[in-house]
Amino acid sequence: MVSEEQLLDSAARVLAGDHSASMVQIAAGTGTSRATLGRRYATREALLKAVALRTIQVVDECLAPAGLPETADGAAFDRALEELVVALLPAAHLYGFTSRDATVLADPRFRAGIDRQDQRALAFLAHGQRLGRLRADLPPYWIWYALWGLLDAAAEGVRDGRLAPRQTGRLVLTSFLGGIRPPGQPSA
């Protein structure tokens, strides 16, 4: 029996590859029957909302490194930033799908979760800017969006068979850190 989390993660992978996938296609892509999927989620909309709430849960867990105290130094920030990027890699397929789906975006619980996560991440990134570990000329929101863009690109590259899952961490970290570090600081 597939756990709820595994089913939702698999459904998100299917939907990330085809946003318009039907319940039959989602069931096939998750390795379950349409009847089993229908017993758990009566409608496609119910499934989408469940995937969205699963996304909030997963990204909340990934944001643990962003909980640095204000007294953290630059080295602690650097470690936490790398941990955050690596932690978010497996969540990219979830976020990539949910951040583009109109049904999901209209859900107030999802929007509230995303807003809360954004505020937490933005405070963390602003702390890195105050420490001089991130470029001060880039708005924290841009840095956050840029990270998700790279994570989404990595997930798509893996899904398309163009990137090996093992190489995406290095690629995302190198690209991300190379763009957000102040001049003269090592990128990774």
N, C-alpha and C. Protein backbone atom coordinates (compact mmCIF):
# COMPACT_ATOMS: atom_id res chain seq x y z
N MET A 1 0.84 -1.19 0.00
CA MET A 1 0.00 0.00 0.00
C MET A 1 0.89 1.25 0.00
N VAL A 2 0.62 2.15 -0.89
CA VAL A 2 1.38 3.38 -1.02
C VAL A 2 0.89 4.36 0.04
N SER A 3 1.85 5.00 0.72
CA SER A 3 1.47 5.99 1.74
C SER A 3 0.89 7.23 1.06
N GLU A 4 0.17 8.00 1.83
CA GLU A 4 -0.43 9.25 1.33
C GLU A 4 0.65 10.18 0.77
N GLU A 5 1.75 10.30 1.51
CA GLU A 5 2.84 11.19 1.09
C GLU A 5 3.44 10.72 -0.24
N GLN A 6 3.67 9.41 -0.36
CA GLN A 6 4.24 8.87 -1.59
C GLN A 6 3.30 9.09 -2.77
N LEU A 7 2.02 8.89 -2.53
CA LEU A 7 1.03 9.07 -3.59
C LEU A 7 1.01 10.54 -4.05
N LEU A 8 1.00 11.46 -3.10
CA LEU A 8 0.96 12.88 -3.45
C LEU A 8 2.24 13.33 -4.14
N ASP A 9 3.38 12.83 -3.68
CA ASP A 9 4.65 13.16 -4.32
C ASP A 9 4.67 12.64 -5.76
N SER A 10 4.19 11.42 -5.96
CA SER A 10 4.14 10.84 -7.31
C SER A 10 3.16 11.62 -8.19
N ALA A 11 2.03 12.00 -7.64
CA ALA A 11 1.06 12.78 -8.40
C ALA A 11 1.66 14.12 -8.81
N ALA A 12 2.42 14.74 -7.92
CA ALA A 12 3.07 16.02 -8.25
C ALA A 12 4.06 15.84 -9.38
N ARG A 13 4.79 14.73 -9.39
CA ARG A 13 5.74 14.48 -10.49
C ARG A 13 5.00 14.34 -11.82
N VAL A 14 3.89 13.63 -11.80
CA VAL A 14 3.09 13.47 -13.02
C VAL A 14 2.59 14.84 -13.48
N LEU A 15 2.06 15.61 -12.55
CA LEU A 15 1.50 16.92 -12.89
C LEU A 15 2.57 17.92 -13.31
N ALA A 16 3.78 17.79 -12.77
CA ALA A 16 4.87 18.67 -13.17
C ALA A 16 5.23 18.43 -14.64
N GLY A 17 5.08 17.19 -15.07
CA GLY A 17 5.35 16.86 -16.47
C GLY A 17 4.20 17.20 -17.40
N ASP A 18 2.97 17.17 -16.87
CA ASP A 18 1.78 17.46 -17.67
C ASP A 18 0.72 18.07 -16.76
N HIS A 19 0.64 19.38 -16.78
CA HIS A 19 -0.28 20.10 -15.89
C HIS A 19 -1.74 19.72 -16.12
N SER A 20 -2.05 19.24 -17.31
CA SER A 20 -3.44 18.91 -17.62
C SER A 20 -3.75 17.43 -17.47
N ALA A 21 -2.85 16.68 -16.86
CA ALA A 21 -3.05 15.23 -16.73
C ALA A 21 -4.40 14.94 -16.06
N SER A 22 -5.09 13.95 -16.62
CA SER A 22 -6.38 13.54 -16.08
C SER A 22 -6.15 12.63 -14.87
N MET A 23 -7.22 12.33 -14.17
CA MET A 23 -7.12 11.41 -13.04
C MET A 23 -6.65 10.04 -13.50
N VAL A 24 -7.05 9.62 -14.68
CA VAL A 24 -6.60 8.33 -15.22
C VAL A 24 -5.10 8.37 -15.46
N GLN A 25 -4.61 9.45 -16.06
CA GLN A 25 -3.17 9.59 -16.32
C GLN A 25 -2.38 9.70 -15.01
N ILE A 26 -2.93 10.42 -14.05
CA ILE A 26 -2.25 10.56 -12.76
C ILE A 26 -2.19 9.20 -12.07
N ALA A 27 -3.28 8.47 -12.09
CA ALA A 27 -3.30 7.14 -11.47
C ALA A 27 -2.25 6.24 -12.11
N ALA A 28 -2.20 6.25 -13.44
CA ALA A 28 -1.21 5.41 -14.13
C ALA A 28 0.21 5.84 -13.78
N GLY A 29 0.43 7.13 -13.71
CA GLY A 29 1.76 7.65 -13.39
C GLY A 29 2.19 7.42 -11.95
N THR A 30 1.22 7.20 -11.08
CA THR A 30 1.55 6.95 -9.67
C THR A 30 1.57 5.46 -9.34
N GLY A 31 1.22 4.65 -10.32
CA GLY A 31 1.22 3.21 -10.09
C GLY A 31 0.02 2.71 -9.31
N THR A 32 -1.06 3.48 -9.33
CA THR A 32 -2.30 3.05 -8.67
C THR A 32 -3.40 2.99 -9.73
N SER A 33 -4.53 2.46 -9.35
CA SER A 33 -5.66 2.42 -10.27
C SER A 33 -6.47 3.70 -10.13
N ARG A 34 -7.26 3.98 -11.14
CA ARG A 34 -8.15 5.15 -11.11
C ARG A 34 -9.13 5.01 -9.95
N ALA A 35 -9.60 3.80 -9.69
CA ALA A 35 -10.55 3.56 -8.60
C ALA A 35 -9.91 3.87 -7.25
N THR A 36 -8.67 3.43 -7.06
CA THR A 36 -7.97 3.70 -5.80
C THR A 36 -7.77 5.19 -5.61
N LEU A 37 -7.34 5.85 -6.67
CA LEU A 37 -7.12 7.30 -6.59
C LEU A 37 -8.44 8.01 -6.30
N GLY A 38 -9.51 7.55 -6.95
CA GLY A 38 -10.83 8.14 -6.75
C GLY A 38 -11.38 7.94 -5.35
N ARG A 39 -11.02 6.82 -4.72
CA ARG A 39 -11.48 6.60 -3.33
C ARG A 39 -10.80 7.59 -2.39
N ARG A 40 -9.56 7.92 -2.67
CA ARG A 40 -8.83 8.85 -1.81
C ARG A 40 -9.18 10.30 -2.12
N TYR A 41 -9.39 10.60 -3.40
CA TYR A 41 -9.68 11.98 -3.84
C TYR A 41 -10.82 11.92 -4.82
N ALA A 42 -11.95 12.39 -4.41
CA ALA A 42 -13.17 12.28 -5.23
C ALA A 42 -13.06 13.06 -6.54
N THR A 43 -12.30 14.14 -6.55
CA THR A 43 -12.18 14.95 -7.76
C THR A 43 -10.71 15.31 -8.00
N ARG A 44 -10.44 15.73 -9.20
CA ARG A 44 -9.09 16.19 -9.54
C ARG A 44 -8.73 17.41 -8.70
N GLU A 45 -9.71 18.29 -8.48
CA GLU A 45 -9.47 19.48 -7.66
C GLU A 45 -9.08 19.09 -6.23
N ALA A 46 -9.73 18.09 -5.68
CA ALA A 46 -9.37 17.62 -4.32
C ALA A 46 -7.94 17.09 -4.30
N LEU A 47 -7.56 16.37 -5.34
CA LEU A 47 -6.19 15.87 -5.43
C LEU A 47 -5.20 17.02 -5.53
N LEU A 48 -5.50 18.00 -6.38
CA LEU A 48 -4.61 19.15 -6.53
C LEU A 48 -4.42 19.89 -5.21
N LYS A 49 -5.49 20.07 -4.48
CA LYS A 49 -5.39 20.76 -3.19
C LYS A 49 -4.60 19.94 -2.18
N ALA A 50 -4.74 18.63 -2.23
CA ALA A 50 -3.95 17.77 -1.34
C ALA A 50 -2.46 17.85 -1.69
N VAL A 51 -2.14 17.88 -2.98
CA VAL A 51 -0.75 18.04 -3.41
C VAL A 51 -0.22 19.39 -2.92
N ALA A 52 -1.04 20.43 -3.01
CA ALA A 52 -0.62 21.76 -2.57
C ALA A 52 -0.31 21.78 -1.07
N LEU A 53 -1.18 21.17 -0.28
CA LEU A 53 -0.93 21.13 1.17
C LEU A 53 0.29 20.29 1.50
N ARG A 54 0.50 19.23 0.73
CA ARG A 54 1.72 18.42 0.90
C ARG A 54 2.95 19.28 0.58
N THR A 55 2.87 20.12 -0.43
CA THR A 55 3.96 21.01 -0.79
C THR A 55 4.30 21.93 0.38
N ILE A 56 3.30 22.51 0.98
CA ILE A 56 3.53 23.41 2.12
C ILE A 56 4.25 22.65 3.23
N GLN A 57 3.79 21.45 3.53
CA GLN A 57 4.41 20.64 4.59
C GLN A 57 5.88 20.36 4.26
N VAL A 58 6.16 19.93 3.04
CA VAL A 58 7.53 19.57 2.66
C VAL A 58 8.44 20.80 2.68
N VAL A 59 7.99 21.90 2.11
CA VAL A 59 8.83 23.09 2.08
C VAL A 59 9.03 23.65 3.48
N ASP A 60 8.03 23.55 4.35
CA ASP A 60 8.22 23.95 5.76
C ASP A 60 9.38 23.19 6.38
N GLU A 61 9.43 21.89 6.14
CA GLU A 61 10.52 21.07 6.67
C GLU A 61 11.86 21.48 6.07
N CYS A 62 11.86 21.79 4.79
CA CYS A 62 13.10 22.19 4.11
C CYS A 62 13.64 23.52 4.62
N LEU A 63 12.76 24.37 5.11
CA LEU A 63 13.17 25.70 5.57
C LEU A 63 13.83 25.70 6.94
N ALA A 64 13.99 24.54 7.55
CA ALA A 64 14.62 24.47 8.87
C ALA A 64 15.95 25.21 8.95
N PRO A 65 16.85 25.08 7.95
CA PRO A 65 18.12 25.81 8.04
C PRO A 65 17.96 27.33 8.06
N ALA A 66 16.83 27.84 7.59
CA ALA A 66 16.61 29.28 7.56
C ALA A 66 16.28 29.83 8.94
N GLY A 67 16.15 28.97 9.92
CA GLY A 67 15.82 29.41 11.27
C GLY A 67 17.04 29.85 12.08
N LEU A 68 17.98 30.49 11.45
CA LEU A 68 19.19 30.95 12.15
C LEU A 68 18.86 32.07 13.12
N PRO A 69 19.53 32.10 14.26
CA PRO A 69 19.35 33.25 15.15
C PRO A 69 20.00 34.49 14.55
N GLU A 70 19.54 35.65 14.93
CA GLU A 70 20.11 36.91 14.43
C GLU A 70 21.58 37.05 14.78
N THR A 71 22.04 36.32 15.77
CA THR A 71 23.43 36.41 16.20
C THR A 71 24.37 35.52 15.38
N ALA A 72 23.82 34.76 14.42
CA ALA A 72 24.62 33.85 13.61
C ALA A 72 25.63 34.65 12.78
N ASP A 73 26.82 34.09 12.64
CA ASP A 73 27.86 34.76 11.86
C ASP A 73 27.81 34.33 10.40
N GLY A 74 28.71 34.88 9.59
CA GLY A 74 28.74 34.60 8.16
C GLY A 74 28.95 33.14 7.84
N ALA A 75 29.84 32.48 8.57
CA ALA A 75 30.10 31.05 8.30
C ALA A 75 28.86 30.21 8.58
N ALA A 76 28.15 30.52 9.67
CA ALA A 76 26.92 29.79 9.99
C ALA A 76 25.86 30.05 8.93
N PHE A 77 25.79 31.29 8.45
CA PHE A 77 24.84 31.61 7.39
C PHE A 77 25.16 30.82 6.12
N ASP A 78 26.45 30.78 5.75
CA ASP A 78 26.84 30.05 4.54
C ASP A 78 26.46 28.57 4.62
N ARG A 79 26.70 27.96 5.77
CA ARG A 79 26.34 26.55 5.95
C ARG A 79 24.83 26.37 5.83
N ALA A 80 24.09 27.26 6.48
CA ALA A 80 22.63 27.16 6.45
C ALA A 80 22.09 27.37 5.04
N LEU A 81 22.68 28.28 4.29
CA LEU A 81 22.22 28.53 2.93
C LEU A 81 22.44 27.30 2.05
N GLU A 82 23.61 26.69 2.15
CA GLU A 82 23.87 25.48 1.37
C GLU A 82 22.94 24.34 1.79
N GLU A 83 22.70 24.21 3.09
CA GLU A 83 21.77 23.17 3.57
C GLU A 83 20.37 23.42 3.02
N LEU A 84 19.96 24.69 2.99
CA LEU A 84 18.63 25.04 2.48
C LEU A 84 18.50 24.66 1.01
N VAL A 85 19.49 25.03 0.22
CA VAL A 85 19.43 24.72 -1.21
C VAL A 85 19.36 23.21 -1.44
N VAL A 86 20.20 22.47 -0.77
CA VAL A 86 20.23 21.02 -0.93
C VAL A 86 18.91 20.40 -0.43
N ALA A 87 18.37 20.92 0.67
CA ALA A 87 17.11 20.39 1.20
C ALA A 87 15.95 20.63 0.23
N LEU A 88 15.99 21.76 -0.47
CA LEU A 88 14.88 22.09 -1.38
C LEU A 88 14.90 21.31 -2.68
N LEU A 89 16.04 20.76 -3.06
CA LEU A 89 16.13 20.03 -4.34
C LEU A 89 15.03 18.98 -4.52
N PRO A 90 14.81 18.10 -3.54
CA PRO A 90 13.76 17.08 -3.75
C PRO A 90 12.35 17.66 -3.77
N ALA A 91 12.17 18.88 -3.30
CA ALA A 91 10.84 19.49 -3.26
C ALA A 91 10.52 20.28 -4.52
N ALA A 92 11.47 20.39 -5.43
CA ALA A 92 11.29 21.24 -6.60
C ALA A 92 10.11 20.80 -7.46
N HIS A 93 9.91 19.50 -7.62
CA HIS A 93 8.78 19.04 -8.45
C HIS A 93 7.45 19.43 -7.83
N LEU A 94 7.38 19.41 -6.50
CA LEU A 94 6.14 19.80 -5.83
C LEU A 94 5.86 21.28 -6.04
N TYR A 95 6.87 22.08 -5.75
CA TYR A 95 6.69 23.52 -5.84
C TYR A 95 6.48 23.96 -7.29
N GLY A 96 7.23 23.34 -8.19
CA GLY A 96 7.12 23.71 -9.59
C GLY A 96 5.71 23.55 -10.13
N PHE A 97 5.04 22.50 -9.75
CA PHE A 97 3.68 22.30 -10.22
C PHE A 97 2.71 23.26 -9.51
N THR A 98 2.78 23.29 -8.19
CA THR A 98 1.78 24.04 -7.43
C THR A 98 1.87 25.55 -7.66
N SER A 99 3.07 26.04 -7.97
CA SER A 99 3.22 27.49 -8.14
C SER A 99 2.65 28.00 -9.45
N ARG A 100 2.18 27.09 -10.30
CA ARG A 100 1.64 27.48 -11.61
C ARG A 100 0.18 27.08 -11.82
N ASP A 101 -0.39 26.36 -10.92
CA ASP A 101 -1.74 25.84 -11.13
C ASP A 101 -2.78 26.80 -10.55
N ALA A 102 -3.72 27.23 -11.38
CA ALA A 102 -4.73 28.20 -10.98
C ALA A 102 -5.60 27.69 -9.84
N THR A 103 -5.95 26.41 -9.86
CA THR A 103 -6.77 25.84 -8.79
C THR A 103 -6.04 25.93 -7.45
N VAL A 104 -4.78 25.59 -7.48
CA VAL A 104 -3.98 25.61 -6.26
C VAL A 104 -3.78 27.04 -5.79
N LEU A 105 -3.43 27.93 -6.71
CA LEU A 105 -3.15 29.32 -6.33
C LEU A 105 -4.38 30.03 -5.77
N ALA A 106 -5.57 29.57 -6.11
CA ALA A 106 -6.80 30.17 -5.60
C ALA A 106 -7.14 29.69 -4.19
N ASP A 107 -6.47 28.65 -3.73
CA ASP A 107 -6.76 28.09 -2.41
C ASP A 107 -6.14 28.97 -1.32
N PRO A 108 -6.97 29.54 -0.44
CA PRO A 108 -6.44 30.46 0.58
C PRO A 108 -5.46 29.79 1.55
N ARG A 109 -5.65 28.50 1.84
CA ARG A 109 -4.71 27.82 2.74
C ARG A 109 -3.34 27.70 2.09
N PHE A 110 -3.32 27.41 0.78
CA PHE A 110 -2.05 27.32 0.08
C PHE A 110 -1.38 28.69 0.02
N ARG A 111 -2.14 29.70 -0.34
CA ARG A 111 -1.58 31.06 -0.43
C ARG A 111 -1.02 31.51 0.92
N ALA A 112 -1.73 31.21 2.00
CA ALA A 112 -1.25 31.59 3.33
C ALA A 112 0.05 30.86 3.66
N GLY A 113 0.13 29.59 3.30
CA GLY A 113 1.36 28.83 3.55
C GLY A 113 2.52 29.38 2.75
N ILE A 114 2.30 29.68 1.48
CA ILE A 114 3.36 30.24 0.63
C ILE A 114 3.80 31.60 1.17
N ASP A 115 2.85 32.43 1.55
CA ASP A 115 3.20 33.75 2.09
C ASP A 115 4.04 33.62 3.36
N ARG A 116 3.66 32.71 4.23
CA ARG A 116 4.42 32.48 5.47
C ARG A 116 5.83 32.00 5.15
N GLN A 117 5.95 31.06 4.21
CA GLN A 117 7.26 30.54 3.84
C GLN A 117 8.12 31.63 3.19
N ASP A 118 7.50 32.43 2.33
CA ASP A 118 8.24 33.53 1.70
C ASP A 118 8.79 34.48 2.75
N GLN A 119 7.98 34.83 3.72
CA GLN A 119 8.45 35.77 4.76
C GLN A 119 9.62 35.18 5.55
N ARG A 120 9.55 33.92 5.83
CA ARG A 120 10.64 33.25 6.56
C ARG A 120 11.92 33.25 5.72
N ALA A 121 11.79 32.89 4.45
CA ALA A 121 12.95 32.86 3.56
C ALA A 121 13.52 34.26 3.33
N LEU A 122 12.65 35.24 3.16
CA LEU A 122 13.11 36.61 2.92
C LEU A 122 13.86 37.16 4.13
N ALA A 123 13.40 36.85 5.33
CA ALA A 123 14.11 37.29 6.53
C ALA A 123 15.49 36.65 6.60
N PHE A 124 15.57 35.38 6.24
CA PHE A 124 16.84 34.66 6.23
C PHE A 124 17.79 35.29 5.21
N LEU A 125 17.31 35.55 4.01
CA LEU A 125 18.15 36.13 2.96
C LEU A 125 18.57 37.56 3.31
N ALA A 126 17.68 38.33 3.91
CA ALA A 126 18.03 39.69 4.34
C ALA A 126 19.12 39.63 5.41
N HIS A 127 19.07 38.63 6.27
CA HIS A 127 20.12 38.44 7.28
C HIS A 127 21.47 38.19 6.59
N GLY A 128 21.46 37.37 5.54
CA GLY A 128 22.68 37.12 4.78
C GLY A 128 23.21 38.39 4.13
N GLN A 129 22.31 39.25 3.69
CA GLN A 129 22.75 40.52 3.11
C GLN A 129 23.37 41.42 4.18
N ARG A 130 22.76 41.46 5.36
CA ARG A 130 23.33 42.28 6.45
C ARG A 130 24.72 41.78 6.85
N LEU A 131 24.92 40.47 6.75
CA LEU A 131 26.22 39.89 7.08
C LEU A 131 27.24 40.09 5.95
N GLY A 132 26.80 40.58 4.81
CA GLY A 132 27.69 40.75 3.67
C GLY A 132 27.95 39.46 2.92
N ARG A 133 27.12 38.44 3.15
CA ARG A 133 27.30 37.14 2.50
C ARG A 133 26.52 37.02 1.20
N LEU A 134 25.58 37.93 0.99
CA LEU A 134 24.78 37.98 -0.23
C LEU A 134 24.83 39.39 -0.79
N ARG A 135 24.68 39.50 -2.09
CA ARG A 135 24.71 40.81 -2.72
C ARG A 135 23.58 41.68 -2.18
N ALA A 136 23.92 42.89 -1.80
CA ALA A 136 22.94 43.82 -1.26
C ALA A 136 22.15 44.52 -2.36
N ASP A 137 22.64 44.47 -3.61
CA ASP A 137 21.96 45.15 -4.70
C ASP A 137 20.83 44.31 -5.31
N LEU A 138 20.63 43.10 -4.82
CA LEU A 138 19.55 42.25 -5.28
C LEU A 138 18.47 42.18 -4.21
N PRO A 139 17.21 42.42 -4.57
CA PRO A 139 16.15 42.28 -3.57
C PRO A 139 16.07 40.82 -3.09
N PRO A 140 15.83 40.62 -1.79
CA PRO A 140 15.69 39.24 -1.30
C PRO A 140 14.66 38.43 -2.07
N TYR A 141 13.59 39.07 -2.50
CA TYR A 141 12.57 38.34 -3.27
C TYR A 141 13.16 37.80 -4.57
N TRP A 142 14.02 38.58 -5.22
CA TRP A 142 14.64 38.11 -6.46
C TRP A 142 15.53 36.90 -6.18
N ILE A 143 16.28 36.97 -5.11
CA ILE A 143 17.16 35.85 -4.75
C ILE A 143 16.32 34.59 -4.52
N TRP A 144 15.22 34.73 -3.81
CA TRP A 144 14.33 33.60 -3.51
C TRP A 144 13.72 33.04 -4.79
N TYR A 145 13.22 33.93 -5.65
CA TYR A 145 12.65 33.47 -6.92
C TYR A 145 13.70 32.83 -7.81
N ALA A 146 14.90 33.41 -7.83
CA ALA A 146 15.98 32.85 -8.65
C ALA A 146 16.30 31.42 -8.20
N LEU A 147 16.33 31.21 -6.90
CA LEU A 147 16.59 29.86 -6.39
C LEU A 147 15.53 28.89 -6.88
N TRP A 148 14.26 29.26 -6.76
CA TRP A 148 13.19 28.36 -7.20
C TRP A 148 13.25 28.15 -8.71
N GLY A 149 13.67 29.15 -9.46
CA GLY A 149 13.82 28.98 -10.90
C GLY A 149 14.87 27.93 -11.22
N LEU A 150 16.00 27.98 -10.50
CA LEU A 150 17.06 26.99 -10.72
C LEU A 150 16.61 25.60 -10.27
N LEU A 151 15.91 25.54 -9.14
CA LEU A 151 15.41 24.24 -8.67
C LEU A 151 14.43 23.64 -9.67
N ASP A 152 13.57 24.47 -10.21
CA ASP A 152 12.60 24.00 -11.21
C ASP A 152 13.32 23.53 -12.46
N ALA A 153 14.35 24.26 -12.89
CA ALA A 153 15.13 23.85 -14.06
C ALA A 153 15.82 22.51 -13.81
N ALA A 154 16.34 22.32 -12.61
CA ALA A 154 16.99 21.04 -12.28
C ALA A 154 15.98 19.90 -12.32
N ALA A 155 14.79 20.11 -11.74
CA ALA A 155 13.76 19.07 -11.75
C ALA A 155 13.34 18.74 -13.18
N GLU A 156 13.21 19.76 -14.01
CA GLU A 156 12.82 19.52 -15.40
C GLU A 156 13.92 18.78 -16.17
N GLY A 157 15.18 19.15 -15.91
CA GLY A 157 16.30 18.47 -16.56
C GLY A 157 16.35 17.00 -16.20
N VAL A 158 16.06 16.68 -14.94
CA VAL A 158 16.03 15.27 -14.52
C VAL A 158 14.84 14.56 -15.16
N ARG A 159 13.68 15.21 -15.13
CA ARG A 159 12.46 14.61 -15.70
C ARG A 159 12.63 14.34 -17.20
N ASP A 160 13.33 15.25 -17.89
CA ASP A 160 13.56 15.08 -19.33
C ASP A 160 14.71 14.14 -19.65
N GLY A 161 15.42 13.66 -18.62
CA GLY A 161 16.53 12.74 -18.84
C GLY A 161 17.82 13.42 -19.29
N ARG A 162 17.90 14.72 -19.15
CA ARG A 162 19.09 15.46 -19.59
C ARG A 162 20.09 15.68 -18.46
N LEU A 163 19.63 15.54 -17.23
CA LEU A 163 20.50 15.71 -16.07
C LEU A 163 20.37 14.49 -15.16
N ALA A 164 21.47 14.10 -14.57
CA ALA A 164 21.45 13.03 -13.58
C ALA A 164 21.07 13.65 -12.23
N PRO A 165 20.20 13.00 -11.48
CA PRO A 165 19.79 13.56 -10.19
C PRO A 165 20.97 13.92 -9.29
N ARG A 166 22.03 13.13 -9.35
CA ARG A 166 23.19 13.39 -8.48
C ARG A 166 23.92 14.67 -8.83
N GLN A 167 23.84 15.12 -10.06
CA GLN A 167 24.59 16.31 -10.44
C GLN A 167 23.82 17.61 -10.21
N THR A 168 22.52 17.52 -9.95
CA THR A 168 21.73 18.75 -9.84
C THR A 168 22.09 19.59 -8.62
N GLY A 169 22.47 18.95 -7.53
CA GLY A 169 22.86 19.72 -6.34
C GLY A 169 24.03 20.65 -6.64
N ARG A 170 25.06 20.10 -7.26
CA ARG A 170 26.23 20.91 -7.59
C ARG A 170 25.87 22.00 -8.60
N LEU A 171 25.09 21.65 -9.61
CA LEU A 171 24.72 22.62 -10.63
C LEU A 171 23.91 23.77 -10.04
N VAL A 172 22.93 23.45 -9.23
CA VAL A 172 22.10 24.50 -8.63
C VAL A 172 22.93 25.35 -7.68
N LEU A 173 23.71 24.70 -6.81
CA LEU A 173 24.53 25.48 -5.87
C LEU A 173 25.51 26.39 -6.58
N THR A 174 26.21 25.88 -7.57
CA THR A 174 27.20 26.68 -8.29
C THR A 174 26.54 27.86 -8.99
N SER A 175 25.45 27.60 -9.68
CA SER A 175 24.76 28.67 -10.40
C SER A 175 24.16 29.69 -9.44
N PHE A 176 23.52 29.20 -8.40
CA PHE A 176 22.87 30.08 -7.44
C PHE A 176 23.88 30.93 -6.68
N LEU A 177 24.84 30.27 -6.06
CA LEU A 177 25.80 31.01 -5.25
C LEU A 177 26.66 31.93 -6.09
N GLY A 178 26.98 31.52 -7.32
CA GLY A 178 27.77 32.38 -8.20
C GLY A 178 27.08 33.67 -8.55
N GLY A 179 25.75 33.67 -8.53
CA GLY A 179 25.00 34.87 -8.88
C GLY A 179 24.63 35.76 -7.73
N ILE A 180 24.63 35.23 -6.51
CA ILE A 180 24.15 36.03 -5.39
C ILE A 180 25.24 36.48 -4.42
N ARG A 181 26.45 35.94 -4.59
CA ARG A 181 27.55 36.32 -3.70
C ARG A 181 28.12 37.67 -4.13
N PRO A 182 28.53 38.47 -3.17
CA PRO A 182 29.19 39.72 -3.53
C PRO A 182 30.49 39.42 -4.28
N PRO A 183 30.94 40.34 -5.13
CA PRO A 183 32.19 40.12 -5.86
C PRO A 183 33.34 39.82 -4.91
N GLY A 184 34.19 38.89 -5.33
CA GLY A 184 35.36 38.54 -4.54
C GLY A 184 35.13 37.43 -3.53
N GLN A 185 33.86 36.99 -3.34
CA GLN A 185 33.60 35.88 -2.42
C GLN A 185 33.47 34.59 -3.21
N PRO A 186 33.97 33.49 -2.64
CA PRO A 186 33.82 32.22 -3.34
C PRO A 186 32.36 31.87 -3.52
N SER A 187 32.05 31.24 -4.65
CA SER A 187 30.64 30.94 -4.96
C SER A 187 30.18 29.62 -4.38
N ALA A 188 31.08 28.68 -4.15
CA ALA A 188 30.64 27.40 -3.57
C ALA A 188 31.81 26.73 -2.91
